[in-house]
Amino acid sequence: MSPRARSLLSVVVAAMLWSMLGTAYALFERHLAVDALTIVTIRALSAAVMVLGWLAFTNRRAMRIARTDLPRFVVYGLVSVTIFYPMLIYAFRYTSVAVGTLLLYLAPAIVAGGAVLLLGEALSVRKVVALATALTGCALVVRIYEPSAVSANELGLALGIGSAICYACLSLIGKPLVGRYPVATVTVWYLMVGAIGLLGVRLVIAGAAWPSLSGGFIIALSCGLFMTALPALFYARGLSGLHSSDASIVAMVEPVLAMGWATAILGERLSWPQLFGALLVLSSVVLLAVRGRTRGRIKPLPEPLSP
């Protein structure tokens, strides 16, 4: 197998693992009798411990940061884990895994708009078309053509869009950091800060009670290892041999697979207008990603350990 083929396969494997997250959340709540906040707290803590342990044995120097950057890392961790993880799992609960995943893929369009407003990037015709396409697709996915359906699920849709904004902040907040630190350093710090913040929130809301040892182990192993740490490693390996635009496009199999898991295991269905909206959302991601093909290799932004 050629190096490029191995890189493509690595990205596909990462996307496959990430795509199982929403369905896993639903199954844990249904069969393990564990609340949503506890699930994401165990996921964040276990992933942080795994990455921290891995760096402790392989590269302790990667833990070092400048004191002046600590506030930015704190904000980064709170937004990307403490706020994002609960918002996403509740978006899945109040909408569906398919709809929640598709709303999450508004993030590239939000990044494009945010880069114009916050980072001074030019607003090209391509970006305008991509943003319009993404917004149109989002409107169809949330069934704006059925006002009763929208009004009956306002909270879930707001959580889904909010999770996309948090996901977009992974790039907008992290871009200055990745220019000064290795991706491993940025990743371990935002995971540690976010996990500690999430643990604090969980203890205030749910107290000190935790699921059984077996239930906690299942969540930690599946979500912490197989759906967080491992896909991050596979995706990073894929990026090492691909243009970032190519990796972004290949990773778009994730929402497709997520809808497949939700249909096969949870019995979820999307209407034809929603499916067309999904195609529009994914098309906007392709439109935003293809710029890397004509501008040489782009240094990737820090990739989250999970969606």
C-alpha atoms as a PDB file:
ATOM      1  CA  MET A   1       0.000   0.000   0.000  1.00  0.00           C
ATOM      2  CA  SER A   2       1.358   3.442  -0.954  1.00  0.00           C
ATOM      3  CA  PRO A   3       1.979   6.127   1.713  1.00  0.00           C
ATOM      4  CA  ARG A   4      -0.915   8.194   0.346  1.00  0.00           C
ATOM      5  CA  ALA A   5      -3.255   5.200   0.479  1.00  0.00           C
ATOM      6  CA  ARG A   6      -2.272   4.541   4.102  1.00  0.00           C
ATOM      7  CA  SER A   7      -2.941   8.192   4.938  1.00  0.00           C
ATOM      8  CA  LEU A   8      -6.367   8.067   3.291  1.00  0.00           C
ATOM      9  CA  LEU A   9      -7.184   4.853   5.141  1.00  0.00           C
ATOM     10  CA  SER A  10      -6.144   6.434   8.444  1.00  0.00           C
ATOM     11  CA  VAL A  11      -8.569   9.336   7.934  1.00  0.00           C
ATOM     12  CA  VAL A  12     -11.379   6.944   6.989  1.00  0.00           C
ATOM     13  CA  VAL A  13     -10.762   4.878  10.142  1.00  0.00           C
ATOM     14  CA  ALA A  14     -10.834   8.058  12.263  1.00  0.00           C
ATOM     15  CA  ALA A  15     -14.121   9.132  10.680  1.00  0.00           C
ATOM     16  CA  MET A  16     -15.623   5.661  11.213  1.00  0.00           C
ATOM     17  CA  LEU A  17     -14.766   5.756  14.920  1.00  0.00           C
ATOM     18  CA  TRP A  18     -16.082   9.300  15.377  1.00  0.00           C
ATOM     19  CA  SER A  19     -19.297   8.436  13.539  1.00  0.00           C
ATOM     20  CA  MET A  20     -20.300   5.949  16.261  1.00  0.00           C
ATOM     21  CA  LEU A  21     -20.369   8.573  19.014  1.00  0.00           C
ATOM     22  CA  GLY A  22     -23.989   9.713  18.770  1.00  0.00           C
ATOM     23  CA  THR A  23     -25.353   6.181  18.577  1.00  0.00           C
ATOM     24  CA  ALA A  24     -23.142   5.122  21.502  1.00  0.00           C
ATOM     25  CA  TYR A  25     -24.484   8.009  23.594  1.00  0.00           C
ATOM     26  CA  ALA A  26     -28.056   6.933  22.903  1.00  0.00           C
ATOM     27  CA  LEU A  27     -27.350   3.275  23.724  1.00  0.00           C
ATOM     28  CA  PHE A  28     -25.587   4.146  26.996  1.00  0.00           C
ATOM     29  CA  GLU A  29     -28.489   6.292  28.169  1.00  0.00           C
ATOM     30  CA  ARG A  30     -30.943   3.587  27.166  1.00  0.00           C
ATOM     31  CA  HIS A  31     -29.240   0.450  28.499  1.00  0.00           C
ATOM     32  CA  LEU A  32     -26.795   1.550  31.201  1.00  0.00           C
ATOM     33  CA  ALA A  33     -29.202   3.951  32.914  1.00  0.00           C
ATOM     34  CA  VAL A  34     -26.498   6.637  32.988  1.00  0.00           C
ATOM     35  CA  ASP A  35     -27.398  10.299  32.581  1.00  0.00           C
ATOM     36  CA  ALA A  36     -25.977  12.316  29.699  1.00  0.00           C
ATOM     37  CA  LEU A  37     -23.783  14.586  31.827  1.00  0.00           C
ATOM     38  CA  THR A  38     -22.114  11.618  33.500  1.00  0.00           C
ATOM     39  CA  ILE A  39     -21.421   9.966  30.136  1.00  0.00           C
ATOM     40  CA  VAL A  40     -19.586  12.968  28.702  1.00  0.00           C
ATOM     41  CA  THR A  41     -17.735  13.554  31.982  1.00  0.00           C
ATOM     42  CA  ILE A  42     -16.374   9.995  31.984  1.00  0.00           C
ATOM     43  CA  ARG A  43     -15.491  10.375  28.313  1.00  0.00           C
ATOM     44  CA  ALA A  44     -13.563  13.614  28.884  1.00  0.00           C
ATOM     45  CA  LEU A  45     -11.761  12.405  32.005  1.00  0.00           C
ATOM     46  CA  SER A  46     -10.720   9.078  30.509  1.00  0.00           C
ATOM     47  CA  ALA A  47      -9.502  10.687  27.270  1.00  0.00           C
ATOM     48  CA  ALA A  48      -7.526  13.312  29.202  1.00  0.00           C
ATOM     49  CA  VAL A  49      -5.898  10.670  31.410  1.00  0.00           C
ATOM     50  CA  MET A  50      -5.002   8.533  28.392  1.00  0.00           C
ATOM     51  CA  VAL A  51      -3.418  11.369  26.438  1.00  0.00           C
ATOM     52  CA  LEU A  52      -1.639  12.698  29.529  1.00  0.00           C
ATOM     53  CA  GLY A  53      -0.269   9.241  30.305  1.00  0.00           C
ATOM     54  CA  TRP A  54       0.862   8.750  26.728  1.00  0.00           C
ATOM     55  CA  LEU A  55       2.769  12.058  26.734  1.00  0.00           C
ATOM     56  CA  ALA A  56       4.255  11.310  30.164  1.00  0.00           C
ATOM     57  CA  PHE A  57       5.969   8.254  28.687  1.00  0.00           C
ATOM     58  CA  THR A  58       6.786   9.606  25.244  1.00  0.00           C
ATOM     59  CA  ASN A  59       7.365  13.379  25.438  1.00  0.00           C
ATOM     60  CA  ARG A  60       7.066  15.145  28.785  1.00  0.00           C
ATOM     61  CA  ARG A  61       8.357  18.377  27.293  1.00  0.00           C
ATOM     62  CA  ALA A  62       5.122  18.641  25.297  1.00  0.00           C
ATOM     63  CA  MET A  63       3.351  19.600  28.529  1.00  0.00           C
ATOM     64  CA  ARG A  64       5.174  22.921  28.825  1.00  0.00           C
ATOM     65  CA  ILE A  65       3.414  26.167  27.936  1.00  0.00           C
ATOM     66  CA  ALA A  66       4.086  29.848  28.619  1.00  0.00           C
ATOM     67  CA  ARG A  67       2.229  31.332  31.578  1.00  0.00           C
ATOM     68  CA  THR A  68       0.913  34.132  29.410  1.00  0.00           C
ATOM     69  CA  ASP A  69      -0.905  31.566  27.241  1.00  0.00           C
ATOM     70  CA  LEU A  70      -2.639  29.860  30.174  1.00  0.00           C
ATOM     71  CA  PRO A  71      -5.815  32.034  29.998  1.00  0.00           C
ATOM     72  CA  ARG A  72      -6.258  31.185  26.328  1.00  0.00           C
ATOM     73  CA  PHE A  73      -5.833  27.467  27.047  1.00  0.00           C
ATOM     74  CA  VAL A  74      -8.404  27.733  29.849  1.00  0.00           C
ATOM     75  CA  VAL A  75     -10.950  29.369  27.547  1.00  0.00           C
ATOM     76  CA  TYR A  76     -10.128  26.832  24.848  1.00  0.00           C
ATOM     77  CA  GLY A  77     -10.728  23.884  27.169  1.00  0.00           C
ATOM     78  CA  LEU A  78     -13.928  25.278  28.669  1.00  0.00           C
ATOM     79  CA  VAL A  79     -15.465  25.973  25.259  1.00  0.00           C
ATOM     80  CA  SER A  80     -14.274  22.835  23.459  1.00  0.00           C
ATOM     81  CA  VAL A  81     -15.020  20.303  26.217  1.00  0.00           C
ATOM     82  CA  THR A  82     -16.872  21.688  29.250  1.00  0.00           C
ATOM     83  CA  ILE A  83     -19.528  23.389  27.123  1.00  0.00           C
ATOM     84  CA  PHE A  84     -19.286  21.465  23.846  1.00  0.00           C
ATOM     85  CA  TYR A  85     -19.535  17.870  25.095  1.00  0.00           C
ATOM     86  CA  PRO A  86     -22.802  18.314  27.090  1.00  0.00           C
ATOM     87  CA  MET A  87     -24.319  20.538  24.413  1.00  0.00           C
ATOM     88  CA  LEU A  88     -23.694  17.904  21.731  1.00  0.00           C
ATOM     89  CA  ILE A  89     -25.076  14.953  23.667  1.00  0.00           C
ATOM     90  CA  TYR A  90     -28.238  16.874  24.577  1.00  0.00           C
ATOM     91  CA  ALA A  91     -28.581  17.970  20.948  1.00  0.00           C
ATOM     92  CA  PHE A  92     -28.566  14.290  20.002  1.00  0.00           C
ATOM     93  CA  ARG A  93     -31.193  13.568  22.647  1.00  0.00           C
ATOM     94  CA  TYR A  94     -33.623  16.368  21.766  1.00  0.00           C
ATOM     95  CA  THR A  95     -33.274  16.108  17.973  1.00  0.00           C
ATOM     96  CA  SER A  96     -31.719  12.874  16.727  1.00  0.00           C
ATOM     97  CA  VAL A  97     -28.249  11.522  16.069  1.00  0.00           C
ATOM     98  CA  ALA A  98     -28.619  12.216  12.351  1.00  0.00           C
ATOM     99  CA  VAL A  99     -29.882  15.786  12.726  1.00  0.00           C
ATOM    100  CA  GLY A 100     -27.412  16.589  15.520  1.00  0.00           C
ATOM    101  CA  THR A 101     -24.480  15.340  13.434  1.00  0.00           C
ATOM    102  CA  LEU A 102     -25.550  17.325  10.378  1.00  0.00           C
ATOM    103  CA  LEU A 103     -25.974  20.503  12.415  1.00  0.00           C
ATOM    104  CA  LEU A 104     -22.473  19.920  13.778  1.00  0.00           C
ATOM    105  CA  TYR A 105     -21.184  20.054  10.204  1.00  0.00           C
ATOM    106  CA  LEU A 106     -22.206  23.704  10.018  1.00  0.00           C
ATOM    107  CA  ALA A 107     -18.921  24.315  11.855  1.00  0.00           C
ATOM    108  CA  PRO A 108     -16.785  24.802   8.681  1.00  0.00           C
ATOM    109  CA  ALA A 109     -19.186  27.487   7.486  1.00  0.00           C
ATOM    110  CA  ILE A 110     -19.108  29.153  10.912  1.00  0.00           C
ATOM    111  CA  VAL A 111     -15.298  29.034  10.850  1.00  0.00           C
ATOM    112  CA  ALA A 112     -15.291  30.705   7.433  1.00  0.00           C
ATOM    113  CA  GLY A 113     -17.594  33.474   8.648  1.00  0.00           C
ATOM    114  CA  GLY A 114     -15.727  33.844  11.937  1.00  0.00           C
ATOM    115  CA  ALA A 115     -12.388  34.078  10.142  1.00  0.00           C
ATOM    116  CA  VAL A 116     -13.725  37.033   8.180  1.00  0.00           C
ATOM    117  CA  LEU A 117     -15.008  38.839  11.288  1.00  0.00           C
ATOM    118  CA  LEU A 118     -12.327  37.878  13.832  1.00  0.00           C
ATOM    119  CA  LEU A 119      -9.172  37.076  11.858  1.00  0.00           C
ATOM    120  CA  GLY A 120      -9.485  39.586   9.027  1.00  0.00           C
ATOM    121  CA  GLU A 121      -9.673  37.046   6.197  1.00  0.00           C
ATOM    122  CA  ALA A 122     -11.172  38.137   2.883  1.00  0.00           C
ATOM    123  CA  LEU A 123     -14.813  37.331   2.119  1.00  0.00           C
ATOM    124  CA  SER A 124     -14.497  35.610  -1.253  1.00  0.00           C
ATOM    125  CA  VAL A 125     -17.313  34.611  -3.577  1.00  0.00           C
ATOM    126  CA  ARG A 126     -16.561  30.971  -2.769  1.00  0.00           C
ATOM    127  CA  LYS A 127     -17.098  31.615   0.952  1.00  0.00           C
ATOM    128  CA  VAL A 128     -20.353  33.483   0.328  1.00  0.00           C
ATOM    129  CA  VAL A 129     -21.686  30.621  -1.795  1.00  0.00           C
ATOM    130  CA  ALA A 130     -20.557  28.028   0.770  1.00  0.00           C
ATOM    131  CA  LEU A 131     -22.205  29.919   3.647  1.00  0.00           C
ATOM    132  CA  ALA A 132     -25.461  30.329   1.716  1.00  0.00           C
ATOM    133  CA  THR A 133     -25.417  26.640   0.769  1.00  0.00           C
ATOM    134  CA  ALA A 134     -24.788  25.564   4.365  1.00  0.00           C
ATOM    135  CA  LEU A 135     -27.546  27.777   5.760  1.00  0.00           C
ATOM    136  CA  THR A 136     -30.021  26.526   3.142  1.00  0.00           C
ATOM    137  CA  GLY A 137     -29.105  22.939   3.944  1.00  0.00           C
ATOM    138  CA  CYS A 138     -29.453  23.604   7.669  1.00  0.00           C
ATOM    139  CA  ALA A 139     -32.925  25.046   7.138  1.00  0.00           C
ATOM    140  CA  LEU A 140     -34.009  21.873   5.347  1.00  0.00           C
ATOM    141  CA  VAL A 141     -32.401  19.566   7.923  1.00  0.00           C
ATOM    142  CA  VAL A 142     -34.312  21.240  10.788  1.00  0.00           C
ATOM    143  CA  ARG A 143     -37.511  21.103   8.677  1.00  0.00           C
ATOM    144  CA  ILE A 144     -38.114  24.831   8.462  1.00  0.00           C
ATOM    145  CA  TYR A 145     -40.832  23.985   5.940  1.00  0.00           C
ATOM    146  CA  GLU A 146     -42.799  22.548   8.900  1.00  0.00           C
ATOM    147  CA  PRO A 147     -43.104  25.399  11.449  1.00  0.00           C
ATOM    148  CA  SER A 148     -44.824  23.113  13.941  1.00  0.00           C
ATOM    149  CA  ALA A 149     -41.837  20.758  13.945  1.00  0.00           C
ATOM    150  CA  VAL A 150     -39.426  23.649  14.522  1.00  0.00           C
ATOM    151  CA  SER A 151     -41.454  25.182  17.357  1.00  0.00           C
ATOM    152  CA  ALA A 152     -41.823  21.779  19.029  1.00  0.00           C
ATOM    153  CA  ASN A 153     -38.081  21.233  19.095  1.00  0.00           C
ATOM    154  CA  GLU A 154     -36.554  24.683  19.556  1.00  0.00           C
ATOM    155  CA  LEU A 155     -34.300  23.588  22.424  1.00  0.00           C
ATOM    156  CA  GLY A 156     -32.772  20.669  20.501  1.00  0.00           C
ATOM    157  CA  LEU A 157     -32.136  22.771  17.400  1.00  0.00           C
ATOM    158  CA  ALA A 158     -30.579  25.548  19.489  1.00  0.00           C
ATOM    159  CA  LEU A 159     -28.297  23.002  21.158  1.00  0.00           C
ATOM    160  CA  GLY A 160     -27.314  21.565  17.778  1.00  0.00           C
ATOM    161  CA  ILE A 161     -26.412  24.968  16.352  1.00  0.00           C
ATOM    162  CA  GLY A 162     -24.658  25.856  19.621  1.00  0.00           C
ATOM    163  CA  SER A 163     -22.562  22.684  19.407  1.00  0.00           C
ATOM    164  CA  ALA A 164     -21.518  23.675  15.864  1.00  0.00           C
ATOM    165  CA  ILE A 165     -20.428  27.094  17.164  1.00  0.00           C
ATOM    166  CA  CYS A 166     -18.369  25.435  19.916  1.00  0.00           C
ATOM    167  CA  TYR A 167     -16.848  23.055  17.373  1.00  0.00           C
ATOM    168  CA  ALA A 168     -15.952  26.008  15.161  1.00  0.00           C
ATOM    169  CA  CYS A 169     -14.225  27.675  18.109  1.00  0.00           C
ATOM    170  CA  LEU A 170     -11.754  24.780  18.136  1.00  0.00           C
ATOM    171  CA  SER A 171     -10.228  26.356  15.043  1.00  0.00           C
ATOM    172  CA  LEU A 172     -10.899  30.034  15.738  1.00  0.00           C
ATOM    173  CA  ILE A 173      -9.467  29.961  19.274  1.00  0.00           C
ATOM    174  CA  GLY A 174      -6.807  27.369  18.587  1.00  0.00           C
ATOM    175  CA  LYS A 175      -5.280  28.909  15.464  1.00  0.00           C
ATOM    176  CA  PRO A 176      -2.938  31.281  17.351  1.00  0.00           C
ATOM    177  CA  LEU A 177      -1.927  28.461  19.729  1.00  0.00           C
ATOM    178  CA  VAL A 178      -1.030  25.903  17.076  1.00  0.00           C
ATOM    179  CA  GLY A 179       1.343  28.402  15.553  1.00  0.00           C
ATOM    180  CA  ARG A 180       3.425  28.354  18.747  1.00  0.00           C
ATOM    181  CA  TYR A 181       2.917  24.833  20.124  1.00  0.00           C
ATOM    182  CA  PRO A 182       2.804  21.256  18.774  1.00  0.00           C
ATOM    183  CA  VAL A 183      -0.662  19.800  18.218  1.00  0.00           C
ATOM    184  CA  ALA A 184      -0.049  17.325  21.086  1.00  0.00           C
ATOM    185  CA  THR A 185       0.548  20.202  23.514  1.00  0.00           C
ATOM    186  CA  VAL A 186      -2.613  22.048  22.500  1.00  0.00           C
ATOM    187  CA  THR A 187      -4.649  18.843  22.639  1.00  0.00           C
ATOM    188  CA  VAL A 188      -3.554  17.662  26.075  1.00  0.00           C
ATOM    189  CA  TRP A 189      -4.061  21.082  27.649  1.00  0.00           C
ATOM    190  CA  TYR A 190      -7.542  21.717  26.318  1.00  0.00           C
ATOM    191  CA  LEU A 191      -8.571  18.179  27.263  1.00  0.00           C
ATOM    192  CA  MET A 192      -7.245  18.499  30.818  1.00  0.00           C
ATOM    193  CA  VAL A 193      -8.802  21.918  31.405  1.00  0.00           C
ATOM    194  CA  GLY A 194     -12.092  20.914  29.820  1.00  0.00           C
ATOM    195  CA  ALA A 195     -12.314  17.629  31.731  1.00  0.00           C
ATOM    196  CA  ILE A 196     -11.679  19.358  35.064  1.00  0.00           C
ATOM    197  CA  GLY A 197     -14.319  21.964  34.267  1.00  0.00           C
ATOM    198  CA  LEU A 198     -16.811  19.299  33.210  1.00  0.00           C
ATOM    199  CA  LEU A 199     -16.129  17.300  36.372  1.00  0.00           C
ATOM    200  CA  GLY A 200     -16.890  20.379  38.455  1.00  0.00           C
ATOM    201  CA  VAL A 201     -20.164  20.995  36.637  1.00  0.00           C
ATOM    202  CA  ARG A 202     -21.167  17.360  36.975  1.00  0.00           C
ATOM    203  CA  LEU A 203     -20.438  17.268  40.739  1.00  0.00           C
ATOM    204  CA  VAL A 204     -22.510  20.415  41.326  1.00  0.00           C
ATOM    205  CA  ILE A 205     -25.484  19.156  39.330  1.00  0.00           C
ATOM    206  CA  ALA A 206     -25.462  15.387  39.958  1.00  0.00           C
ATOM    207  CA  GLY A 207     -23.461  15.014  43.174  1.00  0.00           C
ATOM    208  CA  ALA A 208     -20.897  12.345  43.925  1.00  0.00           C
ATOM    209  CA  ALA A 209     -22.870   9.302  42.715  1.00  0.00           C
ATOM    210  CA  TRP A 210     -21.306   7.458  39.781  1.00  0.00           C
ATOM    211  CA  PRO A 211     -22.367   4.461  37.682  1.00  0.00           C
ATOM    212  CA  SER A 212     -21.145   0.958  38.435  1.00  0.00           C
ATOM    213  CA  LEU A 213     -17.516   0.112  37.782  1.00  0.00           C
ATOM    214  CA  SER A 214     -18.455  -2.015  34.777  1.00  0.00           C
ATOM    215  CA  GLY A 215     -20.656   0.728  33.302  1.00  0.00           C
ATOM    216  CA  GLY A 216     -17.978   3.377  33.783  1.00  0.00           C
ATOM    217  CA  PHE A 217     -15.366   1.109  32.226  1.00  0.00           C
ATOM    218  CA  ILE A 218     -17.531   0.495  29.152  1.00  0.00           C
ATOM    219  CA  ILE A 219     -18.028   4.235  28.638  1.00  0.00           C
ATOM    220  CA  ALA A 220     -14.354   5.040  29.230  1.00  0.00           C
ATOM    221  CA  LEU A 221     -13.140   2.298  26.896  1.00  0.00           C
ATOM    222  CA  SER A 222     -15.567   3.009  24.070  1.00  0.00           C
ATOM    223  CA  CYS A 223     -15.919   6.801  24.199  1.00  0.00           C
ATOM    224  CA  GLY A 224     -12.613   7.731  25.810  1.00  0.00           C
ATOM    225  CA  LEU A 225     -10.356   5.374  23.887  1.00  0.00           C
ATOM    226  CA  PHE A 226     -12.070   4.151  20.723  1.00  0.00           C
ATOM    227  CA  MET A 227     -14.105   7.291  19.906  1.00  0.00           C
ATOM    228  CA  THR A 228     -11.766  10.008  21.191  1.00  0.00           C
ATOM    229  CA  ALA A 229      -8.077   9.136  21.602  1.00  0.00           C
ATOM    230  CA  LEU A 230      -7.661   6.573  18.800  1.00  0.00           C
ATOM    231  CA  PRO A 231      -9.422   8.549  16.054  1.00  0.00           C
ATOM    232  CA  ALA A 232      -7.301  11.576  16.953  1.00  0.00           C
ATOM    233  CA  LEU A 233      -4.163   9.508  16.412  1.00  0.00           C
ATOM    234  CA  PHE A 234      -5.454   8.075  13.134  1.00  0.00           C
ATOM    235  CA  TYR A 235      -6.492  11.502  11.873  1.00  0.00           C
ATOM    236  CA  ALA A 236      -3.147  13.048  12.813  1.00  0.00           C
ATOM    237  CA  ARG A 237      -1.367  10.230  10.970  1.00  0.00           C
ATOM    238  CA  GLY A 238      -3.555  10.842   7.935  1.00  0.00           C
ATOM    239  CA  LEU A 239      -2.817  14.559   7.954  1.00  0.00           C
ATOM    240  CA  SER A 240       0.904  13.843   7.890  1.00  0.00           C
ATOM    241  CA  GLY A 241       0.569  12.447   4.356  1.00  0.00           C
ATOM    242  CA  LEU A 242      -2.310  14.478   2.913  1.00  0.00           C
ATOM    243  CA  HIS A 243      -3.280  18.033   2.144  1.00  0.00           C
ATOM    244  CA  SER A 244      -5.558  19.295   4.893  1.00  0.00           C
ATOM    245  CA  SER A 245      -8.285  19.878   2.280  1.00  0.00           C
ATOM    246  CA  ASP A 246      -8.081  16.233   1.162  1.00  0.00           C
ATOM    247  CA  ALA A 247      -8.342  15.024   4.761  1.00  0.00           C
ATOM    248  CA  SER A 248     -11.338  17.300   5.384  1.00  0.00           C
ATOM    249  CA  ILE A 249     -13.176  15.936   2.363  1.00  0.00           C
ATOM    250  CA  VAL A 250     -12.421  12.303   3.213  1.00  0.00           C
ATOM    251  CA  ALA A 251     -13.572  12.890   6.795  1.00  0.00           C
ATOM    252  CA  MET A 252     -16.993  13.821   5.421  1.00  0.00           C
ATOM    253  CA  VAL A 253     -17.850  10.129   5.461  1.00  0.00           C
ATOM    254  CA  GLU A 254     -18.419  10.701   9.188  1.00  0.00           C
ATOM    255  CA  PRO A 255     -21.945  12.233   9.019  1.00  0.00           C
ATOM    256  CA  VAL A 256     -22.919   9.731   6.323  1.00  0.00           C
ATOM    257  CA  LEU A 257     -21.804   6.834   8.540  1.00  0.00           C
ATOM    258  CA  ALA A 258     -23.407   8.452  11.595  1.00  0.00           C
ATOM    259  CA  MET A 259     -26.750   8.555   9.777  1.00  0.00           C
ATOM    260  CA  GLY A 260     -26.225   4.929   8.769  1.00  0.00           C
ATOM    261  CA  TRP A 261     -25.585   3.816  12.370  1.00  0.00           C
ATOM    262  CA  ALA A 262     -28.596   5.805  13.592  1.00  0.00           C
ATOM    263  CA  THR A 263     -30.824   4.244  10.950  1.00  0.00           C
ATOM    264  CA  ALA A 264     -29.623   0.675  11.444  1.00  0.00           C
ATOM    265  CA  ILE A 265     -29.395   0.622  15.241  1.00  0.00           C
ATOM    266  CA  LEU A 266     -31.717   3.361  16.527  1.00  0.00           C
ATOM    267  CA  GLY A 267     -34.324   3.248  13.749  1.00  0.00           C
ATOM    268  CA  GLU A 268     -33.977   6.962  12.877  1.00  0.00           C
ATOM    269  CA  ARG A 269     -35.164   8.193   9.500  1.00  0.00           C
ATOM    270  CA  LEU A 270     -34.706  11.418   7.547  1.00  0.00           C
ATOM    271  CA  SER A 271     -37.251  12.743   5.064  1.00  0.00           C
ATOM    272  CA  TRP A 272     -36.249  13.473   1.479  1.00  0.00           C
ATOM    273  CA  PRO A 273     -36.052  17.259   2.045  1.00  0.00           C
ATOM    274  CA  GLN A 274     -33.800  16.616   5.053  1.00  0.00           C
ATOM    275  CA  LEU A 275     -31.572  14.334   2.984  1.00  0.00           C
ATOM    276  CA  PHE A 276     -31.281  17.041   0.326  1.00  0.00           C
ATOM    277  CA  GLY A 277     -30.398  19.513   3.087  1.00  0.00           C
ATOM    278  CA  ALA A 278     -27.716  17.102   4.307  1.00  0.00           C
ATOM    279  CA  LEU A 279     -26.257  17.036   0.783  1.00  0.00           C
ATOM    280  CA  LEU A 280     -26.152  20.845   0.741  1.00  0.00           C
ATOM    281  CA  VAL A 281     -24.387  21.019   4.114  1.00  0.00           C
ATOM    282  CA  LEU A 282     -21.755  18.507   3.009  1.00  0.00           C
ATOM    283  CA  SER A 283     -21.351  20.286  -0.338  1.00  0.00           C
ATOM    284  CA  SER A 284     -20.525  23.514   1.506  1.00  0.00           C
ATOM    285  CA  VAL A 285     -17.734  21.687   3.359  1.00  0.00           C
ATOM    286  CA  VAL A 286     -16.268  20.492   0.042  1.00  0.00           C
ATOM    287  CA  LEU A 287     -16.478  24.016  -1.365  1.00  0.00           C
ATOM    288  CA  LEU A 288     -14.612  25.428   1.619  1.00  0.00           C
ATOM    289  CA  ALA A 289     -12.020  22.642   1.636  1.00  0.00           C
ATOM    290  CA  VAL A 290     -10.919  22.667  -2.008  1.00  0.00           C
ATOM    291  CA  ARG A 291      -8.912  25.877  -1.589  1.00  0.00           C
ATOM    292  CA  GLY A 292      -6.005  23.800  -0.253  1.00  0.00           C
ATOM    293  CA  ARG A 293      -5.550  22.077  -3.608  1.00  0.00           C
ATOM    294  CA  THR A 294      -4.329  25.220  -5.322  1.00  0.00           C
ATOM    295  CA  ARG A 295      -2.282  26.796  -2.531  1.00  0.00           C
ATOM    296  CA  GLY A 296       0.125  24.035  -1.614  1.00  0.00           C
ATOM    297  CA  ARG A 297       0.250  22.224   1.660  1.00  0.00           C
ATOM    298  CA  ILE A 298      -1.622  24.003   4.438  1.00  0.00           C
ATOM    299  CA  LYS A 299      -0.577  23.600   8.020  1.00  0.00           C
ATOM    300  CA  PRO A 300      -3.648  22.096   9.706  1.00  0.00           C
ATOM    301  CA  LEU A 301      -5.359  23.702  12.639  1.00  0.00           C
ATOM    302  CA  PRO A 302      -5.416  21.726  15.889  1.00  0.00           C
ATOM    303  CA  GLU A 303      -7.812  18.877  15.319  1.00  0.00           C
ATOM    304  CA  PRO A 304     -10.173  18.043  18.187  1.00  0.00           C
ATOM    305  CA  LEU A 305      -9.890  14.614  19.768  1.00  0.00           C
ATOM    306  CA  SER A 306     -13.549  14.146  18.922  1.00  0.00           C
ATOM    307  CA  PRO A 307     -16.467  15.867  17.260  1.00  0.00           C
END
